[in-house]
Amino acid sequence: MIAQRNASAPARHRRRAALIASCLVVAIAGGAAFWYWAHGTGASHAAGSPARAAIPVSITVAGRQDVPIYLTGLGTVQASLTIAIHSQVDGKLQEVLFTEGQHVKKGDVLAKIDPRLFQAALDQARAKKAQDEAMLTAADKDLTRSKTLVASNITSQQIVDQQQGKVDQLKASIAADEAGIQTAQTNLDYTSITAPTDGRIGVRLVDPGNIVHASDQAALATLVLTQPSAVMFTLPARYLDDVRAAQARGPVEVIAFDQDNRRALATGTLLLVDNLIDQTTATIRLKAKFPNDDERLWPGEFVNARVLLETRRNVVVVPSATIQRGPEGLFVWTVTAKDVAEPHPVETSPAAGNLTIVTSGLDGGERIVTDGQYKLQRGVPVTITSPATAASGSNT
């Protein structure tokens, strides 16, 4: 029994030793795997991960230049004079002597009304005056004789006084006859309808053969004087002080552009600012005057009136599209010398066309991102896809 126990003891020791050896192998293998996962794999990831990709952007250079500051308002062209041509007497329209659309001079005969009745009235007034003048001559002679007879006591002073009254009455009649002749002559003159001023005649609205009256509401035609012309336009009332300050410095230039705001039609000066603000629309009316020598401004035409308030000299400008708004205010994306994007806070004045004046934050010469800025973050590398050019563009 004792011998059997002694024989099994070495076997148990061998199994225990094998078990301990197996545990040690497993522990070493697990430690090696953990070390490889923690260090070796991380190092391989670090070695294999690429650097941050550069973002392609377009840039411009913040430049300095003189920038005119404009205000633009929608307006309507008005002729200097707009005259409806009417007949001043009643009668038959005998002739129309103008061509529609032609230029006429002051005093040109535009139309004629049948003058026969008015000529007869003038002749009658003249005959009446001649009759009264003949009666006055006879009355003067009678008065002279009466005065001679009263001096010889042949007649009474009463007869002399009566004769004197008759003479005075005939003189008054002659004065009335002269007024009647002037009236008849004026009515006869009105049968020739003349242009009251230079200008362009419009469409004929009444044809020859029609009976016209001085009381007619409809005109025969319309005459307009387009040289010079005016533009009546509106601006927001908040700019009233700016406009008045510009007027105080001197004549204010106004440029009239077409409805598309592309073509300049004429250049003039601001004539007046209306004396009342329209409280319904919070606007103020202004009027500008243009020589309009080439007649590019047409009465009734809608135009855009640009008022030059001032010209700011040697200011920093950037394209308006580069101005961004963030939680802390306005900023632009700049590109450093190492081609890294950085946000740059700025303060601006109102935009002038496609340019914005930067009043602080830039000194000029900085590289400003114009395209691709929506993908940028602080410190991100960039690649420039377009050559850097100084900021410029239309300032109107």
Protein backbone atom coordinates (compact mmCIF):
# COMPACT_ATOMS: atom_id res chain seq x y z
CA MET A 1 0.00 0.00 0.00
CA ILE A 2 2.79 2.32 0.90
CA ALA A 3 4.64 1.37 -2.25
CA GLN A 4 1.72 2.33 -4.44
CA ARG A 5 1.49 5.79 -2.86
CA ASN A 6 5.17 6.34 -3.44
CA ALA A 7 4.75 5.37 -7.09
CA SER A 8 1.90 7.83 -7.81
CA ALA A 9 3.57 10.89 -6.23
CA PRO A 10 6.00 11.57 -9.10
CA ALA A 11 3.12 11.43 -11.58
CA ARG A 12 1.19 14.10 -9.73
CA HIS A 13 4.27 16.31 -9.56
CA ARG A 14 4.74 15.95 -13.29
CA ARG A 15 1.11 16.90 -14.05
CA ARG A 16 1.33 19.91 -11.73
CA ALA A 17 4.51 21.08 -13.38
CA ALA A 18 2.94 20.71 -16.83
CA LEU A 19 -0.09 22.71 -15.74
CA ILE A 20 2.06 25.51 -14.34
CA ALA A 21 4.13 25.57 -17.53
CA SER A 22 0.98 25.81 -19.65
CA CYS A 23 -0.32 28.74 -17.58
CA LEU A 24 2.99 30.56 -17.95
CA VAL A 25 2.90 30.09 -21.75
CA VAL A 26 -0.67 31.41 -21.94
CA ALA A 27 0.22 34.42 -19.77
CA ILE A 28 3.28 35.27 -21.86
CA ALA A 29 1.28 34.95 -25.10
CA GLY A 30 -1.52 37.18 -23.73
CA GLY A 31 0.98 39.82 -22.59
CA ALA A 32 2.68 39.79 -25.95
CA ALA A 33 -0.71 40.17 -27.73
CA PHE A 34 -1.73 43.06 -25.47
CA TRP A 35 1.58 44.84 -26.03
CA TYR A 36 1.27 44.39 -29.80
CA TRP A 37 -2.30 45.70 -29.83
CA ALA A 38 -1.47 48.67 -27.61
CA HIS A 39 1.80 49.74 -29.22
CA GLY A 40 2.48 48.00 -32.45
CA THR A 41 -0.97 48.48 -34.00
CA GLY A 42 -1.16 52.15 -32.89
CA ALA A 43 2.23 52.85 -34.36
CA SER A 44 1.25 51.22 -37.64
CA HIS A 45 -2.00 53.32 -37.75
CA ALA A 46 -0.02 56.45 -36.99
CA ALA A 47 2.45 55.68 -39.71
CA GLY A 48 -0.27 54.75 -42.20
CA SER A 49 -2.77 57.69 -41.64
CA PRO A 50 -2.37 60.53 -44.23
CA ALA A 51 -1.89 64.25 -43.31
CA ARG A 52 -4.92 66.65 -43.38
CA ALA A 53 -5.92 67.26 -47.01
CA ALA A 54 -5.49 70.79 -48.34
CA ILE A 55 -8.68 72.58 -49.45
CA PRO A 56 -8.66 74.26 -52.87
CA VAL A 57 -9.64 77.95 -52.77
CA SER A 58 -9.59 81.01 -54.98
CA ILE A 59 -8.13 84.21 -53.59
CA THR A 60 -7.80 87.90 -54.27
CA VAL A 61 -5.63 90.57 -52.74
CA ALA A 62 -7.24 93.29 -50.64
CA GLY A 63 -6.48 96.48 -52.52
CA ARG A 64 -6.74 100.22 -52.04
CA GLN A 65 -8.58 102.56 -54.40
CA ASP A 66 -10.97 105.50 -54.64
CA VAL A 67 -14.57 104.36 -54.25
CA PRO A 68 -17.60 106.48 -55.20
CA ILE A 69 -20.58 106.05 -52.88
CA TYR A 70 -23.93 106.01 -54.68
CA LEU A 71 -27.58 105.86 -53.69
CA THR A 72 -29.99 104.49 -56.31
CA GLY A 73 -33.69 105.22 -56.60
CA LEU A 74 -36.34 104.36 -59.17
CA GLY A 75 -37.66 107.39 -61.01
CA THR A 76 -39.64 108.69 -63.97
CA VAL A 77 -38.50 111.05 -66.70
CA GLN A 78 -40.42 114.31 -66.94
CA ALA A 79 -40.30 116.87 -69.74
CA SER A 80 -39.47 120.46 -68.84
CA LEU A 81 -42.82 121.50 -70.30
CA THR A 82 -45.85 119.41 -71.22
CA ILE A 83 -48.51 121.43 -73.04
CA ALA A 84 -51.88 120.17 -74.26
CA ILE A 85 -52.72 122.02 -77.48
CA HIS A 86 -56.35 123.25 -77.39
CA SER A 87 -58.42 125.54 -79.54
CA GLN A 88 -59.22 128.84 -77.85
CA VAL A 89 -62.25 129.55 -80.08
CA ASP A 90 -65.14 127.50 -81.41
CA GLY A 91 -65.17 126.54 -85.05
CA LYS A 92 -64.39 124.00 -87.72
CA LEU A 93 -60.86 122.56 -87.75
CA GLN A 94 -59.78 123.49 -91.24
CA GLU A 95 -56.14 122.32 -91.42
CA VAL A 96 -53.57 120.42 -89.39
CA LEU A 97 -50.12 121.63 -90.40
CA PHE A 98 -47.82 119.56 -88.21
CA THR A 99 -46.39 116.09 -88.71
CA GLU A 100 -46.75 113.80 -85.74
CA GLY A 101 -43.49 113.50 -83.84
CA GLN A 102 -41.76 116.48 -85.46
CA HIS A 103 -39.79 119.20 -83.70
CA VAL A 104 -41.49 122.58 -83.82
CA LYS A 105 -40.35 126.08 -82.95
CA LYS A 106 -42.17 128.62 -80.85
CA GLY A 107 -44.72 130.43 -83.05
CA ASP A 108 -44.99 127.72 -85.72
CA VAL A 109 -48.60 127.33 -86.95
CA LEU A 110 -49.85 123.89 -85.95
CA ALA A 111 -53.48 124.06 -87.13
CA LYS A 112 -56.09 126.45 -88.50
CA ILE A 113 -59.75 126.97 -87.71
CA ASP A 114 -62.20 128.40 -90.27
CA PRO A 115 -61.61 132.18 -89.82
CA ARG A 116 -64.53 133.64 -91.81
CA LEU A 117 -66.88 134.34 -88.90
CA PHE A 118 -64.08 135.91 -86.90
CA GLN A 119 -62.94 138.02 -89.84
CA ALA A 120 -66.51 139.27 -90.23
CA ALA A 121 -66.66 140.16 -86.53
CA LEU A 122 -63.43 142.13 -86.88
CA ASP A 123 -64.72 143.99 -89.94
CA GLN A 124 -67.94 144.83 -88.10
CA ALA A 125 -66.02 146.20 -85.11
CA ARG A 126 -63.90 148.36 -87.39
CA ALA A 127 -66.97 149.70 -89.19
CA LYS A 128 -68.61 150.54 -85.89
CA LYS A 129 -65.56 152.52 -84.87
CA ALA A 130 -65.53 154.41 -88.21
CA GLN A 131 -69.20 155.25 -87.73
CA ASP A 132 -68.62 156.59 -84.23
CA GLU A 133 -65.60 158.58 -85.38
CA ALA A 134 -67.72 160.25 -88.12
CA MET A 135 -70.41 161.09 -85.57
CA LEU A 136 -67.74 162.48 -83.24
CA THR A 137 -66.45 164.77 -85.99
CA ALA A 138 -69.94 166.17 -86.55
CA ALA A 139 -70.54 166.55 -82.82
CA ASP A 140 -67.23 168.44 -82.40
CA LYS A 141 -68.30 170.90 -85.11
CA ASP A 142 -71.70 171.39 -83.48
CA LEU A 143 -70.00 172.01 -80.15
CA THR A 144 -67.73 174.64 -81.69
CA ARG A 145 -70.68 176.47 -83.26
CA SER A 146 -72.63 176.34 -80.00
CA LYS A 147 -69.78 177.90 -78.12
CA THR A 148 -69.62 180.74 -80.70
CA LEU A 149 -73.37 181.38 -80.44
CA VAL A 150 -73.39 181.39 -76.66
CA ALA A 151 -70.63 183.99 -76.72
CA SER A 152 -72.95 186.21 -78.84
CA ASN A 153 -75.91 185.44 -76.53
CA ILE A 154 -77.73 183.81 -79.42
CA THR A 155 -78.12 180.44 -77.67
CA SER A 156 -78.11 179.22 -74.09
CA GLN A 157 -75.32 177.57 -72.10
CA GLN A 158 -77.59 174.53 -71.68
CA ILE A 159 -77.32 173.73 -75.37
CA VAL A 160 -73.54 173.97 -75.16
CA ASP A 161 -73.49 171.56 -72.22
CA GLN A 162 -75.71 169.08 -74.05
CA GLN A 163 -73.47 169.21 -77.07
CA GLN A 164 -70.40 168.69 -74.88
CA GLY A 165 -72.03 165.59 -73.37
CA LYS A 166 -72.72 164.19 -76.82
CA VAL A 167 -69.07 164.64 -77.79
CA ASP A 168 -67.87 162.90 -74.62
CA GLN A 169 -70.31 160.03 -75.20
CA LEU A 170 -69.04 159.48 -78.74
CA LYS A 171 -65.43 159.44 -77.48
CA ALA A 172 -66.36 156.71 -75.02
CA SER A 173 -68.06 154.75 -77.79
CA ILE A 174 -64.91 154.96 -79.89
CA ALA A 175 -62.84 153.62 -76.94
CA ALA A 176 -65.31 150.72 -76.67
CA ASP A 177 -65.02 150.18 -80.42
CA GLU A 178 -61.25 149.91 -80.10
CA ALA A 179 -61.64 147.26 -77.37
CA GLY A 180 -64.10 145.41 -79.60
CA ILE A 181 -61.63 145.52 -82.48
CA GLN A 182 -58.88 144.10 -80.23
CA THR A 183 -61.22 141.31 -79.10
CA ALA A 184 -62.22 140.47 -82.65
CA GLN A 185 -58.58 140.57 -83.77
CA THR A 186 -57.55 138.26 -80.94
CA ASN A 187 -60.30 135.77 -81.78
CA LEU A 188 -59.23 135.88 -85.40
CA ASP A 189 -55.62 135.26 -84.38
CA TYR A 190 -56.79 132.27 -82.33
CA THR A 191 -57.98 130.61 -85.52
CA SER A 192 -54.29 129.97 -86.23
CA ILE A 193 -53.14 127.61 -83.44
CA THR A 194 -49.42 128.15 -82.88
CA ALA A 195 -46.74 126.37 -80.83
CA PRO A 196 -46.36 128.16 -77.46
CA THR A 197 -42.75 126.92 -77.13
CA ASP A 198 -40.11 124.78 -78.81
CA GLY A 199 -40.59 121.06 -78.47
CA ARG A 200 -41.70 117.80 -79.99
CA ILE A 201 -45.32 117.39 -81.06
CA GLY A 202 -47.12 114.16 -80.30
CA VAL A 203 -49.92 112.15 -81.88
CA ARG A 204 -52.74 114.08 -83.61
CA LEU A 205 -55.92 113.48 -81.64
CA VAL A 206 -58.43 115.46 -83.75
CA ASP A 207 -58.70 115.30 -87.53
CA PRO A 208 -59.50 118.21 -89.87
CA GLY A 209 -63.21 118.72 -90.50
CA ASN A 210 -64.24 118.27 -86.87
CA ILE A 211 -65.89 121.05 -84.90
CA VAL A 212 -63.74 122.07 -81.96
CA HIS A 213 -64.65 124.16 -78.93
CA ALA A 214 -62.64 126.14 -76.46
CA SER A 215 -64.29 124.11 -73.69
CA ASP A 216 -63.27 120.70 -75.11
CA GLN A 217 -61.47 118.45 -72.63
CA ALA A 218 -59.63 116.54 -75.35
CA ALA A 219 -56.53 118.21 -76.80
CA LEU A 220 -55.62 118.43 -80.44
CA ALA A 221 -52.13 117.12 -79.59
CA THR A 222 -49.51 117.32 -76.85
CA LEU A 223 -46.30 119.32 -77.08
CA VAL A 224 -43.35 118.42 -74.84
CA LEU A 225 -40.03 120.15 -74.26
CA THR A 226 -37.41 117.48 -73.58
CA GLN A 227 -34.29 119.64 -73.54
CA PRO A 228 -33.70 119.89 -70.67
CA SER A 229 -35.51 117.02 -68.96
CA ALA A 230 -35.98 116.07 -65.34
CA VAL A 231 -36.15 112.82 -63.38
CA MET A 232 -38.38 112.55 -60.33
CA PHE A 233 -37.27 109.67 -58.08
CA THR A 234 -37.48 108.46 -54.49
CA LEU A 235 -34.98 107.36 -51.86
CA PRO A 236 -35.48 105.94 -48.35
CA ALA A 237 -35.99 108.78 -45.91
CA ARG A 238 -33.09 107.57 -43.75
CA TYR A 239 -30.68 108.91 -46.39
CA LEU A 240 -32.07 112.46 -46.21
CA ASP A 241 -29.24 113.79 -44.03
CA ASP A 242 -26.61 112.20 -46.29
CA VAL A 243 -28.13 113.82 -49.38
CA ARG A 244 -28.41 117.23 -47.75
CA ALA A 245 -24.80 116.99 -46.55
CA ALA A 246 -23.74 116.24 -50.12
CA GLN A 247 -25.72 119.26 -51.36
CA ALA A 248 -23.96 121.44 -48.80
CA ARG A 249 -20.59 120.44 -50.30
CA GLY A 250 -21.61 121.51 -53.80
CA PRO A 251 -23.53 120.30 -56.87
CA VAL A 252 -24.56 116.66 -56.52
CA GLU A 253 -24.07 114.50 -59.61
CA VAL A 254 -26.93 112.22 -60.67
CA ILE A 255 -26.59 109.56 -63.37
CA ALA A 256 -29.68 108.13 -65.05
CA PHE A 257 -29.45 104.44 -65.96
CA ASP A 258 -31.92 102.33 -67.91
CA GLN A 259 -34.41 100.01 -66.21
CA ASP A 260 -31.90 97.12 -66.25
CA ASN A 261 -29.35 99.33 -64.50
CA ARG A 262 -26.78 98.58 -67.19
CA ARG A 263 -26.55 101.56 -69.55
CA ALA A 264 -25.91 105.12 -68.49
CA LEU A 265 -28.35 107.37 -70.33
CA ALA A 266 -27.50 110.87 -69.09
CA THR A 267 -25.63 112.78 -66.42
CA GLY A 268 -27.15 115.70 -64.57
CA THR A 269 -27.34 117.40 -61.19
CA LEU A 270 -29.68 117.18 -58.25
CA LEU A 271 -32.18 120.03 -58.49
CA LEU A 272 -34.19 119.73 -55.28
CA VAL A 273 -35.27 117.58 -52.35
CA ASP A 274 -39.00 117.63 -51.67
CA ASN A 275 -40.11 119.48 -48.56
CA LEU A 276 -42.12 116.56 -47.15
CA ILE A 277 -41.39 112.92 -46.31
CA ASP A 278 -44.02 110.44 -47.42
CA GLN A 279 -44.87 108.81 -44.10
CA THR A 280 -46.77 106.00 -45.80
CA THR A 281 -43.69 104.68 -47.60
CA ALA A 282 -40.97 106.37 -45.51
CA THR A 283 -39.45 107.83 -48.67
CA ILE A 284 -38.40 111.27 -49.85
CA ARG A 285 -38.86 112.58 -53.38
CA LEU A 286 -35.99 114.16 -55.26
CA LYS A 287 -35.72 115.84 -58.66
CA ALA A 288 -32.68 115.90 -60.92
CA LYS A 289 -32.17 117.99 -64.05
CA PHE A 290 -30.46 116.73 -67.22
CA PRO A 291 -29.48 118.69 -70.37
CA ASN A 292 -30.65 115.70 -72.46
CA ASP A 293 -29.03 117.07 -75.62
CA ASP A 294 -29.23 113.67 -77.32
CA GLU A 295 -32.80 113.05 -76.07
CA ARG A 296 -31.95 109.67 -74.57
CA LEU A 297 -34.30 110.47 -71.72
CA TRP A 298 -37.90 110.13 -72.89
CA PRO A 299 -40.86 111.56 -70.96
CA GLY A 300 -42.61 108.86 -68.94
CA GLU A 301 -39.65 106.46 -69.07
CA PHE A 302 -38.68 104.57 -65.91
CA VAL A 303 -35.00 104.97 -65.02
CA ASN A 304 -32.65 104.29 -62.13
CA ALA A 305 -31.22 107.50 -60.72
CA ARG A 306 -27.83 107.15 -59.03
CA VAL A 307 -26.89 109.95 -56.66
CA LEU A 308 -23.16 110.41 -56.01
CA LEU A 309 -22.90 111.21 -52.31
CA GLU A 310 -19.12 111.26 -52.04
CA THR A 311 -15.90 109.62 -53.22
CA ARG A 312 -13.83 107.94 -50.52
CA ARG A 313 -10.14 108.15 -51.28
CA ASN A 314 -7.57 105.33 -50.98
CA VAL A 315 -9.72 102.94 -48.94
CA VAL A 316 -9.29 99.18 -48.52
CA VAL A 317 -11.79 97.22 -50.60
CA VAL A 318 -12.61 93.54 -50.97
CA PRO A 319 -15.27 91.75 -53.05
CA SER A 320 -18.57 91.80 -51.21
CA ALA A 321 -18.87 88.01 -51.56
CA THR A 322 -15.84 87.51 -49.31
CA ILE A 323 -17.53 89.08 -46.27
CA GLN A 324 -18.79 86.37 -43.90
CA ARG A 325 -20.91 86.70 -40.78
CA GLY A 326 -20.10 84.66 -37.67
CA PRO A 327 -21.14 84.55 -34.01
CA GLU A 328 -18.72 87.37 -33.21
CA GLY A 329 -19.53 89.57 -36.21
CA LEU A 330 -18.14 90.03 -39.71
CA PHE A 331 -14.93 88.38 -40.88
CA VAL A 332 -13.03 87.30 -43.97
CA TRP A 333 -10.92 84.23 -44.57
CA THR A 334 -7.27 85.10 -45.14
CA VAL A 335 -4.45 82.88 -46.40
CA THR A 336 -1.17 83.15 -44.51
CA ALA A 337 2.30 82.98 -46.02
CA LYS A 338 2.31 79.24 -45.21
CA ASP A 339 -0.94 78.75 -47.15
CA VAL A 340 -3.03 78.22 -44.04
CA ALA A 341 -6.58 79.59 -43.69
CA GLU A 342 -7.28 82.00 -40.83
CA PRO A 343 -10.47 83.97 -40.08
CA HIS A 344 -9.92 87.72 -39.79
CA PRO A 345 -12.53 90.00 -38.11
CA VAL A 346 -13.34 93.19 -40.04
CA GLU A 347 -15.57 96.24 -39.90
CA THR A 348 -17.15 97.52 -43.10
CA SER A 349 -19.00 100.41 -44.68
CA PRO A 350 -21.99 99.92 -47.00
CA ALA A 351 -21.18 98.04 -50.17
CA ALA A 352 -20.41 100.01 -53.33
CA GLY A 353 -21.50 97.77 -56.19
CA ASN A 354 -19.64 94.45 -55.93
CA LEU A 355 -17.02 95.90 -53.58
CA THR A 356 -17.19 96.50 -49.84
CA ILE A 357 -15.10 99.11 -48.06
CA VAL A 358 -13.24 97.70 -45.06
CA THR A 359 -12.87 100.38 -42.41
CA SER A 360 -10.82 98.29 -39.97
CA GLY A 361 -9.25 94.86 -39.79
CA LEU A 362 -7.29 94.96 -43.07
CA ASP A 363 -4.44 97.18 -44.22
CA GLY A 364 -4.40 96.13 -47.86
CA GLY A 365 -2.27 93.43 -49.46
CA GLU A 366 -3.79 90.53 -47.53
CA ARG A 367 -4.75 87.42 -49.49
CA ILE A 368 -8.54 86.98 -49.16
CA VAL A 369 -10.44 83.81 -50.00
CA THR A 370 -13.10 84.45 -52.65
CA ASP A 371 -14.30 80.90 -53.34
CA GLY A 372 -14.26 77.73 -51.24
CA GLN A 373 -14.50 79.50 -47.88
CA TYR A 374 -17.50 77.44 -46.75
CA LYS A 375 -15.22 74.39 -46.33
CA LEU A 376 -12.59 76.17 -44.28
CA GLN A 377 -11.66 75.88 -40.63
CA ARG A 378 -9.03 77.72 -38.65
CA GLY A 379 -5.54 76.40 -39.42
CA VAL A 380 -6.60 74.24 -42.37
CA PRO A 381 -4.02 74.14 -45.21
CA VAL A 382 -5.22 75.37 -48.59
CA THR A 383 -4.17 75.17 -52.19
CA ILE A 384 -4.68 78.17 -54.42
CA THR A 385 -6.55 77.35 -57.64
CA SER A 386 -6.50 80.86 -59.14
CA PRO A 387 -3.81 83.54 -59.26
CA ALA A 388 -4.02 86.32 -56.72
CA THR A 389 -5.33 89.60 -58.17
CA ALA A 390 -6.04 92.89 -56.48
CA ALA A 391 -9.69 93.45 -55.56
CA SER A 392 -11.39 95.54 -58.24
CA GLY A 393 -14.67 95.83 -60.02
CA SER A 394 -17.57 98.08 -60.80
CA ASN A 395 -18.22 100.56 -58.05
CA THR A 396 -21.60 101.66 -59.28
